[in-house]
Amino acid sequence: MKEPNLNQSEISVKTIKEIQRRLTGRIEPHSNHKLFEVHLTTGKIILAEFERILHWEQKPKKTVLVKKDCVYVSAMNIKNAIKHFNNKSNGSKF
């Protein structure tokens, strides 16, 4: 059986899309908590960025924009986020 001819750029685009859509985990913050992003190489802590996904006839869902070399921690403020990160806990319900 003959394989279809795909050039190298089409193959690389398909593999990049598959890698980007990979499910890495789930974190659900407690009520009144914020989701903080801890960059492992620099140690910088900032609020995580979200992307809204609109579903037809449903409420919009928010997903976290996952970045390379980052860990996500749920906490009330930055001080508590540092504590959760040092205890190796993400502070979420799950």
PDB file of N, CA and C in Angstrom:
ATOM      1  N   MET A   1       0.830  -1.171   0.000  1.00  0.00           N
ATOM      2  CA  MET A   1       0.000   0.000   0.000  1.00  0.00           C
ATOM      3  C   MET A   1       0.879   1.241   0.000  1.00  0.00           C
ATOM      4  N   LYS A   2       0.523   2.219  -0.796  1.00  0.00           N
ATOM      5  CA  LYS A   2       1.323   3.429  -0.904  1.00  0.00           C
ATOM      6  C   LYS A   2       0.938   4.430   0.169  1.00  0.00           C
ATOM      7  N   GLU A   3       1.942   5.052   0.774  1.00  0.00           N
ATOM      8  CA  GLU A   3       1.688   6.093   1.762  1.00  0.00           C
ATOM      9  C   GLU A   3       1.517   7.424   1.048  1.00  0.00           C
ATOM     10  N   PRO A   4       0.642   8.293   1.570  1.00  0.00           N
ATOM     11  CA  PRO A   4       0.468   9.589   0.915  1.00  0.00           C
ATOM     12  C   PRO A   4       1.735  10.436   1.057  1.00  0.00           C
ATOM     13  N   ASN A   5       2.000  11.222   0.044  1.00  0.00           N
ATOM     14  CA  ASN A   5       3.185  12.078   0.057  1.00  0.00           C
ATOM     15  C   ASN A   5       2.902  13.338   0.859  1.00  0.00           C
ATOM     16  N   LEU A   6       3.576  13.485   1.977  1.00  0.00           N
ATOM     17  CA  LEU A   6       3.474  14.682   2.808  1.00  0.00           C
ATOM     18  C   LEU A   6       4.846  15.312   2.889  1.00  0.00           C
ATOM     19  N   ASN A   7       4.899  16.600   2.671  1.00  0.00           N
ATOM     20  CA  ASN A   7       6.205  17.233   2.801  1.00  0.00           C
ATOM     21  C   ASN A   7       6.537  17.427   4.280  1.00  0.00           C
ATOM     22  N   GLN A   8       7.777  17.756   4.563  1.00  0.00           N
ATOM     23  CA  GLN A   8       8.278  17.824   5.941  1.00  0.00           C
ATOM     24  C   GLN A   8       7.560  18.886   6.761  1.00  0.00           C
ATOM     25  N   SER A   9       7.178  20.025   6.148  1.00  0.00           N
ATOM     26  CA  SER A   9       6.528  21.092   6.907  1.00  0.00           C
ATOM     27  C   SER A   9       5.135  20.668   7.382  1.00  0.00           C
ATOM     28  N   GLU A  10       4.399  19.916   6.554  1.00  0.00           N
ATOM     29  CA  GLU A  10       3.071  19.437   6.968  1.00  0.00           C
ATOM     30  C   GLU A  10       3.183  18.476   8.145  1.00  0.00           C
ATOM     31  N   ILE A  11       4.172  17.625   8.117  1.00  0.00           N
ATOM     32  CA  ILE A  11       4.372  16.660   9.202  1.00  0.00           C
ATOM     33  C   ILE A  11       4.742  17.384  10.489  1.00  0.00           C
ATOM     34  N   SER A  12       5.643  18.369  10.394  1.00  0.00           N
ATOM     35  CA  SER A  12       6.070  19.075  11.605  1.00  0.00           C
ATOM     36  C   SER A  12       4.930  19.895  12.195  1.00  0.00           C
ATOM     37  N   VAL A  13       4.074  20.490  11.357  1.00  0.00           N
ATOM     38  CA  VAL A  13       2.935  21.260  11.852  1.00  0.00           C
ATOM     39  C   VAL A  13       1.960  20.350  12.586  1.00  0.00           C
ATOM     40  N   LYS A  14       1.719  19.163  12.049  1.00  0.00           N
ATOM     41  CA  LYS A  14       0.813  18.212  12.707  1.00  0.00           C
ATOM     42  C   LYS A  14       1.361  17.779  14.055  1.00  0.00           C
ATOM     43  N   THR A  15       2.660  17.506  14.149  1.00  0.00           N
ATOM     44  CA  THR A  15       3.221  17.073  15.424  1.00  0.00           C
ATOM     45  C   THR A  15       3.226  18.207  16.439  1.00  0.00           C
ATOM     46  N   ILE A  16       3.453  19.440  15.996  1.00  0.00           N
ATOM     47  CA  ILE A  16       3.430  20.576  16.920  1.00  0.00           C
ATOM     48  C   ILE A  16       2.023  20.762  17.481  1.00  0.00           C
ATOM     49  N   LYS A  17       1.003  20.640  16.647  1.00  0.00           N
ATOM     50  CA  LYS A  17      -0.372  20.791  17.119  1.00  0.00           C
ATOM     51  C   LYS A  17      -0.732  19.698  18.113  1.00  0.00           C
ATOM     52  N   GLU A  18      -0.279  18.478  17.882  1.00  0.00           N
ATOM     53  CA  GLU A  18      -0.551  17.383  18.810  1.00  0.00           C
ATOM     54  C   GLU A  18       0.108  17.639  20.160  1.00  0.00           C
ATOM     55  N   ILE A  19       1.315  18.164  20.153  1.00  0.00           N
ATOM     56  CA  ILE A  19       2.031  18.438  21.398  1.00  0.00           C
ATOM     57  C   ILE A  19       1.347  19.568  22.159  1.00  0.00           C
ATOM     58  N   GLN A  20       0.879  20.599  21.467  1.00  0.00           N
ATOM     59  CA  GLN A  20       0.252  21.733  22.119  1.00  0.00           C
ATOM     60  C   GLN A  20      -1.054  21.354  22.787  1.00  0.00           C
ATOM     61  N   ARG A  21      -1.803  20.433  22.251  1.00  0.00           N
ATOM     62  CA  ARG A  21      -3.114  20.075  22.777  1.00  0.00           C
ATOM     63  C   ARG A  21      -3.065  18.960  23.812  1.00  0.00           C
ATOM     64  N   ARG A  22      -1.878  18.529  24.210  1.00  0.00           N
ATOM     65  CA  ARG A  22      -1.731  17.441  25.160  1.00  0.00           C
ATOM     66  C   ARG A  22      -2.240  17.874  26.543  1.00  0.00           C
ATOM     67  N   LEU A  23      -3.010  17.036  27.196  1.00  0.00           N
ATOM     68  CA  LEU A  23      -3.531  17.328  28.523  1.00  0.00           C
ATOM     69  C   LEU A  23      -2.435  17.079  29.547  1.00  0.00           C
ATOM     70  N   THR A  24      -2.097  18.105  30.305  1.00  0.00           N
ATOM     71  CA  THR A  24      -0.997  17.974  31.255  1.00  0.00           C
ATOM     72  C   THR A  24      -1.481  17.747  32.680  1.00  0.00           C
ATOM     73  N   GLY A  25      -2.711  18.037  32.975  1.00  0.00           N
ATOM     74  CA  GLY A  25      -3.229  17.854  34.319  1.00  0.00           C
ATOM     75  C   GLY A  25      -4.422  18.747  34.553  1.00  0.00           C
ATOM     76  N   ARG A  26      -4.911  18.732  35.787  1.00  0.00           N
ATOM     77  CA  ARG A  26      -6.069  19.533  36.129  1.00  0.00           C
ATOM     78  C   ARG A  26      -5.843  20.156  37.486  1.00  0.00           C
ATOM     79  N   ILE A  27      -6.156  21.431  37.598  1.00  0.00           N
ATOM     80  CA  ILE A  27      -6.067  22.120  38.877  1.00  0.00           C
ATOM     81  C   ILE A  27      -7.333  22.943  39.034  1.00  0.00           C
ATOM     82  N   GLU A  28      -7.987  22.781  40.153  1.00  0.00           N
ATOM     83  CA  GLU A  28      -9.206  23.526  40.441  1.00  0.00           C
ATOM     84  C   GLU A  28      -8.998  24.285  41.745  1.00  0.00           C
ATOM     85  N   PRO A  29      -8.856  25.602  41.665  1.00  0.00           N
ATOM     86  CA  PRO A  29      -8.593  26.381  42.878  1.00  0.00           C
ATOM     87  C   PRO A  29      -9.781  26.383  43.834  1.00  0.00           C
ATOM     88  N   HIS A  30      -9.497  26.561  45.118  1.00  0.00           N
ATOM     89  CA  HIS A  30     -10.559  26.749  46.100  1.00  0.00           C
ATOM     90  C   HIS A  30     -11.253  28.070  45.829  1.00  0.00           C
ATOM     91  N   SER A  31     -12.427  28.265  46.422  1.00  0.00           N
ATOM     92  CA  SER A  31     -13.122  29.528  46.227  1.00  0.00           C
ATOM     93  C   SER A  31     -12.302  30.667  46.842  1.00  0.00           C
ATOM     94  N   ASN A  32     -12.333  31.820  46.232  1.00  0.00           N
ATOM     95  CA  ASN A  32     -11.588  33.021  46.618  1.00  0.00           C
ATOM     96  C   ASN A  32     -10.078  32.876  46.467  1.00  0.00           C
ATOM     97  N   HIS A  33      -9.598  31.822  45.834  1.00  0.00           N
ATOM     98  CA  HIS A  33      -8.171  31.660  45.573  1.00  0.00           C
ATOM     99  C   HIS A  33      -7.849  32.160  44.178  1.00  0.00           C
ATOM    100  N   LYS A  34      -6.599  32.489  43.967  1.00  0.00           N
ATOM    101  CA  LYS A  34      -6.087  32.862  42.654  1.00  0.00           C
ATOM    102  C   LYS A  34      -5.093  31.803  42.224  1.00  0.00           C
ATOM    103  N   LEU A  35      -4.875  31.715  40.950  1.00  0.00           N
ATOM    104  CA  LEU A  35      -3.906  30.765  40.423  1.00  0.00           C
ATOM    105  C   LEU A  35      -2.633  31.518  40.068  1.00  0.00           C
ATOM    106  N   PHE A  36      -1.534  31.128  40.707  1.00  0.00           N
ATOM    107  CA  PHE A  36      -0.249  31.783  40.491  1.00  0.00           C
ATOM    108  C   PHE A  36       0.641  30.891  39.642  1.00  0.00           C
ATOM    109  N   GLU A  37       1.483  31.521  38.865  1.00  0.00           N
ATOM    110  CA  GLU A  37       2.432  30.835  38.003  1.00  0.00           C
ATOM    111  C   GLU A  37       3.830  31.055  38.566  1.00  0.00           C
ATOM    112  N   VAL A  38       4.535  29.964  38.882  1.00  0.00           N
ATOM    113  CA  VAL A  38       5.894  30.045  39.418  1.00  0.00           C
ATOM    114  C   VAL A  38       6.850  29.574  38.327  1.00  0.00           C
ATOM    115  N   HIS A  39       7.707  30.475  37.877  1.00  0.00           N
ATOM    116  CA  HIS A  39       8.689  30.132  36.845  1.00  0.00           C
ATOM    117  C   HIS A  39       9.891  29.495  37.548  1.00  0.00           C
ATOM    118  N   LEU A  40      10.206  28.262  37.175  1.00  0.00           N
ATOM    119  CA  LEU A  40      11.214  27.493  37.899  1.00  0.00           C
ATOM    120  C   LEU A  40      12.637  28.010  37.700  1.00  0.00           C
ATOM    121  N   THR A  41      12.964  28.519  36.537  1.00  0.00           N
ATOM    122  CA  THR A  41      14.348  28.942  36.295  1.00  0.00           C
ATOM    123  C   THR A  41      14.643  30.307  36.905  1.00  0.00           C
ATOM    124  N   THR A  42      13.659  31.227  36.887  1.00  0.00           N
ATOM    125  CA  THR A  42      13.907  32.563  37.425  1.00  0.00           C
ATOM    126  C   THR A  42      13.367  32.739  38.835  1.00  0.00           C
ATOM    127  N   GLY A  43      12.405  31.911  39.253  1.00  0.00           N
ATOM    128  CA  GLY A  43      11.803  32.044  40.568  1.00  0.00           C
ATOM    129  C   GLY A  43      10.747  33.134  40.632  1.00  0.00           C
ATOM    130  N   LYS A  44      10.347  33.663  39.512  1.00  0.00           N
ATOM    131  CA  LYS A  44       9.372  34.742  39.438  1.00  0.00           C
ATOM    132  C   LYS A  44       7.954  34.200  39.637  1.00  0.00           C
ATOM    133  N   ILE A  45       7.147  34.897  40.443  1.00  0.00           N
ATOM    134  CA  ILE A  45       5.769  34.476  40.716  1.00  0.00           C
ATOM    135  C   ILE A  45       4.822  35.561  40.215  1.00  0.00           C
ATOM    136  N   ILE A  46       3.911  35.175  39.310  1.00  0.00           N
ATOM    137  CA  ILE A  46       2.921  36.102  38.772  1.00  0.00           C
ATOM    138  C   ILE A  46       1.574  35.397  38.699  1.00  0.00           C
ATOM    139  N   LEU A  47       0.508  36.168  38.452  1.00  0.00           N
ATOM    140  CA  LEU A  47      -0.810  35.570  38.256  1.00  0.00           C
ATOM    141  C   LEU A  47      -0.825  34.818  36.926  1.00  0.00           C
ATOM    142  N   ALA A  48      -1.500  33.671  36.911  1.00  0.00           N
ATOM    143  CA  ALA A  48      -1.580  32.863  35.699  1.00  0.00           C
ATOM    144  C   ALA A  48      -2.514  33.520  34.687  1.00  0.00           C
ATOM    145  N   GLU A  49      -2.227  33.307  33.405  1.00  0.00           N
ATOM    146  CA  GLU A  49      -3.056  33.835  32.326  1.00  0.00           C
ATOM    147  C   GLU A  49      -4.044  32.763  31.888  1.00  0.00           C
ATOM    148  N   PHE A  50      -5.274  33.195  31.620  1.00  0.00           N
ATOM    149  CA  PHE A  50      -6.327  32.278  31.215  1.00  0.00           C
ATOM    150  C   PHE A  50      -6.778  32.584  29.797  1.00  0.00           C
ATOM    151  N   GLU A  51      -7.330  31.558  29.160  1.00  0.00           N
ATOM    152  CA  GLU A  51      -7.921  31.697  27.840  1.00  0.00           C
ATOM    153  C   GLU A  51      -9.373  31.238  27.947  1.00  0.00           C
ATOM    154  N   ARG A  52     -10.297  32.044  27.438  1.00  0.00           N
ATOM    155  CA  ARG A  52     -11.710  31.677  27.483  1.00  0.00           C
ATOM    156  C   ARG A  52     -12.076  30.884  26.240  1.00  0.00           C
ATOM    157  N   ILE A  53     -12.730  29.762  26.455  1.00  0.00           N
ATOM    158  CA  ILE A  53     -13.203  28.941  25.348  1.00  0.00           C
ATOM    159  C   ILE A  53     -14.720  28.978  25.377  1.00  0.00           C
ATOM    160  N   LEU A  54     -15.299  29.436  24.290  1.00  0.00           N
ATOM    161  CA  LEU A  54     -16.753  29.534  24.210  1.00  0.00           C
ATOM    162  C   LEU A  54     -17.317  28.247  23.642  1.00  0.00           C
ATOM    163  N   HIS A  55     -18.257  27.648  24.370  1.00  0.00           N
ATOM    164  CA  HIS A  55     -18.949  26.460  23.916  1.00  0.00           C
ATOM    165  C   HIS A  55     -20.372  26.849  23.553  1.00  0.00           C
ATOM    166  N   TRP A  56     -20.874  26.239  22.540  1.00  0.00           N
ATOM    167  CA  TRP A  56     -22.222  26.538  22.090  1.00  0.00           C
ATOM    168  C   TRP A  56     -23.230  26.078  23.138  1.00  0.00           C
ATOM    169  N   GLU A  57     -24.123  26.972  23.545  1.00  0.00           N
ATOM    170  CA  GLU A  57     -25.174  26.723  24.542  1.00  0.00           C
ATOM    171  C   GLU A  57     -24.633  26.305  25.906  1.00  0.00           C
ATOM    172  N   GLN A  58     -23.445  26.702  26.242  1.00  0.00           N
ATOM    173  CA  GLN A  58     -22.878  26.426  27.558  1.00  0.00           C
ATOM    174  C   GLN A  58     -22.169  27.674  28.053  1.00  0.00           C
ATOM    175  N   LYS A  59     -21.850  27.676  29.329  1.00  0.00           N
ATOM    176  CA  LYS A  59     -21.066  28.778  29.880  1.00  0.00           C
ATOM    177  C   LYS A  59     -19.649  28.714  29.323  1.00  0.00           C
ATOM    178  N   PRO A  60     -19.015  29.866  29.152  1.00  0.00           N
ATOM    179  CA  PRO A  60     -17.619  29.832  28.684  1.00  0.00           C
ATOM    180  C   PRO A  60     -16.709  29.202  29.740  1.00  0.00           C
ATOM    181  N   LYS A  61     -15.762  28.404  29.290  1.00  0.00           N
ATOM    182  CA  LYS A  61     -14.813  27.757  30.191  1.00  0.00           C
ATOM    183  C   LYS A  61     -13.474  28.451  30.082  1.00  0.00           C
ATOM    184  N   LYS A  62     -12.773  28.529  31.208  1.00  0.00           N
ATOM    185  CA  LYS A  62     -11.449  29.140  31.228  1.00  0.00           C
ATOM    186  C   LYS A  62     -10.412  28.039  31.347  1.00  0.00           C
ATOM    187  N   THR A  63      -9.393  28.126  30.518  1.00  0.00           N
ATOM    188  CA  THR A  63      -8.274  27.195  30.606  1.00  0.00           C
ATOM    189  C   THR A  63      -6.994  27.996  30.798  1.00  0.00           C
ATOM    190  N   VAL A  64      -6.067  27.415  31.490  1.00  0.00           N
ATOM    191  CA  VAL A  64      -4.800  28.079  31.787  1.00  0.00           C
ATOM    192  C   VAL A  64      -3.883  27.956  30.579  1.00  0.00           C
ATOM    193  N   LEU A  65      -3.217  29.036  30.245  1.00  0.00           N
ATOM    194  CA  LEU A  65      -2.193  28.997  29.204  1.00  0.00           C
ATOM    195  C   LEU A  65      -0.912  28.455  29.842  1.00  0.00           C
ATOM    196  N   VAL A  66      -0.615  27.199  29.587  1.00  0.00           N
ATOM    197  CA  VAL A  66       0.515  26.521  30.215  1.00  0.00           C
ATOM    198  C   VAL A  66       1.799  26.943  29.508  1.00  0.00           C
ATOM    199  N   LYS A  67       2.763  27.391  30.293  1.00  0.00           N
ATOM    200  CA  LYS A  67       4.046  27.836  29.753  1.00  0.00           C
ATOM    201  C   LYS A  67       5.141  26.856  30.140  1.00  0.00           C
ATOM    202  N   LYS A  68       6.212  26.888  29.379  1.00  0.00           N
ATOM    203  CA  LYS A  68       7.340  25.995  29.617  1.00  0.00           C
ATOM    204  C   LYS A  68       8.058  26.386  30.910  1.00  0.00           C
ATOM    205  N   ASP A  69       8.492  25.412  31.689  1.00  0.00           N
ATOM    206  CA  ASP A  69       9.239  25.589  32.940  1.00  0.00           C
ATOM    207  C   ASP A  69       8.450  26.350  33.995  1.00  0.00           C
ATOM    208  N   CYS A  70       7.130  26.154  34.045  1.00  0.00           N
ATOM    209  CA  CYS A  70       6.303  26.829  35.041  1.00  0.00           C
ATOM    210  C   CYS A  70       5.479  25.814  35.826  1.00  0.00           C
ATOM    211  N   VAL A  71       5.240  26.148  37.085  1.00  0.00           N
ATOM    212  CA  VAL A  71       4.391  25.346  37.970  1.00  0.00           C
ATOM    213  C   VAL A  71       3.257  26.252  38.417  1.00  0.00           C
ATOM    214  N   TYR A  72       2.061  25.695  38.558  1.00  0.00           N
ATOM    215  CA  TYR A  72       0.892  26.495  38.911  1.00  0.00           C
ATOM    216  C   TYR A  72       0.427  26.141  40.320  1.00  0.00           C
ATOM    217  N   VAL A  73       0.178  27.203  41.126  1.00  0.00           N
ATOM    218  CA  VAL A  73      -0.168  27.041  42.533  1.00  0.00           C
ATOM    219  C   VAL A  73      -1.423  27.861  42.823  1.00  0.00           C
ATOM    220  N   SER A  74      -2.372  27.261  43.547  1.00  0.00           N
ATOM    221  CA  SER A  74      -3.578  27.966  43.957  1.00  0.00           C
ATOM    222  C   SER A  74      -3.383  28.478  45.380  1.00  0.00           C
ATOM    223  N   ALA A  75      -3.586  29.799  45.567  1.00  0.00           N
ATOM    224  CA  ALA A  75      -3.402  30.393  46.897  1.00  0.00           C
ATOM    225  C   ALA A  75      -4.170  31.711  46.975  1.00  0.00           C
ATOM    226  N   MET A  76      -4.335  32.220  48.223  1.00  0.00           N
ATOM    227  CA  MET A  76      -5.025  33.496  48.433  1.00  0.00           C
ATOM    228  C   MET A  76      -4.167  34.680  47.998  1.00  0.00           C
ATOM    229  N   ASN A  77      -2.858  34.602  48.251  1.00  0.00           N
ATOM    230  CA  ASN A  77      -1.957  35.701  47.902  1.00  0.00           C
ATOM    231  C   ASN A  77      -0.569  35.129  47.599  1.00  0.00           C
ATOM    232  N   ILE A  78       0.348  36.001  47.227  1.00  0.00           N
ATOM    233  CA  ILE A  78       1.694  35.550  46.834  1.00  0.00           C
ATOM    234  C   ILE A  78       2.434  34.906  47.998  1.00  0.00           C
ATOM    235  N   LYS A  79       2.251  35.445  49.196  1.00  0.00           N
ATOM    236  CA  LYS A  79       2.923  34.895  50.377  1.00  0.00           C
ATOM    237  C   LYS A  79       2.528  33.429  50.597  1.00  0.00           C
ATOM    238  N   ASN A  80       1.240  33.135  50.485  1.00  0.00           N
ATOM    239  CA  ASN A  80       0.775  31.751  50.641  1.00  0.00           C
ATOM    240  C   ASN A  80       1.177  30.885  49.451  1.00  0.00           C
ATOM    241  N   ALA A  81       1.266  31.488  48.269  1.00  0.00           N
ATOM    242  CA  ALA A  81       1.703  30.731  47.093  1.00  0.00           C
ATOM    243  C   ALA A  81       3.133  30.237  47.285  1.00  0.00           C
ATOM    244  N   ILE A  82       3.976  31.070  47.883  1.00  0.00           N
ATOM    245  CA  ILE A  82       5.362  30.664  48.166  1.00  0.00           C
ATOM    246  C   ILE A  82       5.377  29.500  49.145  1.00  0.00           C
ATOM    247  N   LYS A  83       4.527  29.566  50.183  1.00  0.00           N
ATOM    248  CA  LYS A  83       4.457  28.473  51.167  1.00  0.00           C
ATOM    249  C   LYS A  83       4.021  27.169  50.503  1.00  0.00           C
ATOM    250  N   HIS A  84       2.963  27.227  49.670  1.00  0.00           N
ATOM    251  CA  HIS A  84       2.486  26.019  48.984  1.00  0.00           C
ATOM    252  C   HIS A  84       3.563  25.465  48.055  1.00  0.00           C
ATOM    253  N   PHE A  85       4.275  26.330  47.362  1.00  0.00           N
ATOM    254  CA  PHE A  85       5.319  25.882  46.446  1.00  0.00           C
ATOM    255  C   PHE A  85       6.455  25.218  47.218  1.00  0.00           C
ATOM    256  N   ASN A  86       6.855  25.794  48.358  1.00  0.00           N
ATOM    257  CA  ASN A  86       7.934  25.215  49.155  1.00  0.00           C
ATOM    258  C   ASN A  86       7.532  23.885  49.788  1.00  0.00           C
ATOM    259  N   ASN A  87       6.233  23.700  50.078  1.00  0.00           N
ATOM    260  CA  ASN A  87       5.735  22.445  50.641  1.00  0.00           C
ATOM    261  C   ASN A  87       5.435  21.413  49.563  1.00  0.00           C
ATOM    262  N   LYS A  88       5.689  21.770  48.284  1.00  0.00           N
ATOM    263  CA  LYS A  88       5.436  20.892  47.140  1.00  0.00           C
ATOM    264  C   LYS A  88       3.972  20.489  47.048  1.00  0.00           C
ATOM    265  N   SER A  89       3.098  21.438  47.347  1.00  0.00           N
ATOM    266  CA  SER A  89       1.659  21.216  47.200  1.00  0.00           C
ATOM    267  C   SER A  89       1.127  22.322  46.325  1.00  0.00           C
ATOM    268  N   ASN A  90       0.129  22.008  45.474  1.00  0.00           N
ATOM    269  CA  ASN A  90      -0.379  23.050  44.599  1.00  0.00           C
ATOM    270  C   ASN A  90      -1.570  23.787  45.199  1.00  0.00           C
ATOM    271  N   GLY A  91      -2.062  23.373  46.357  1.00  0.00           N
ATOM    272  CA  GLY A  91      -3.108  24.092  47.041  1.00  0.00           C
ATOM    273  C   GLY A  91      -4.474  23.972  46.427  1.00  0.00           C
ATOM    274  N   SER A  92      -4.679  23.031  45.521  1.00  0.00           N
ATOM    275  CA  SER A  92      -5.974  22.922  44.853  1.00  0.00           C
ATOM    276  C   SER A  92      -6.856  21.873  45.532  1.00  0.00           C
ATOM    277  N   LYS A  93      -8.084  21.755  45.057  1.00  0.00           N
ATOM    278  CA  LYS A  93      -9.013  20.765  45.603  1.00  0.00           C
ATOM    279  C   LYS A  93      -8.618  19.346  45.216  1.00  0.00           C
ATOM    280  N   PHE A  94      -7.985  19.181  44.045  1.00  0.00           N
ATOM    281  CA  PHE A  94      -7.634  17.855  43.566  1.00  0.00           C
ATOM    282  C   PHE A  94      -6.163  17.596  43.741  1.00  0.00           C
TER     283      PHE A  94
END
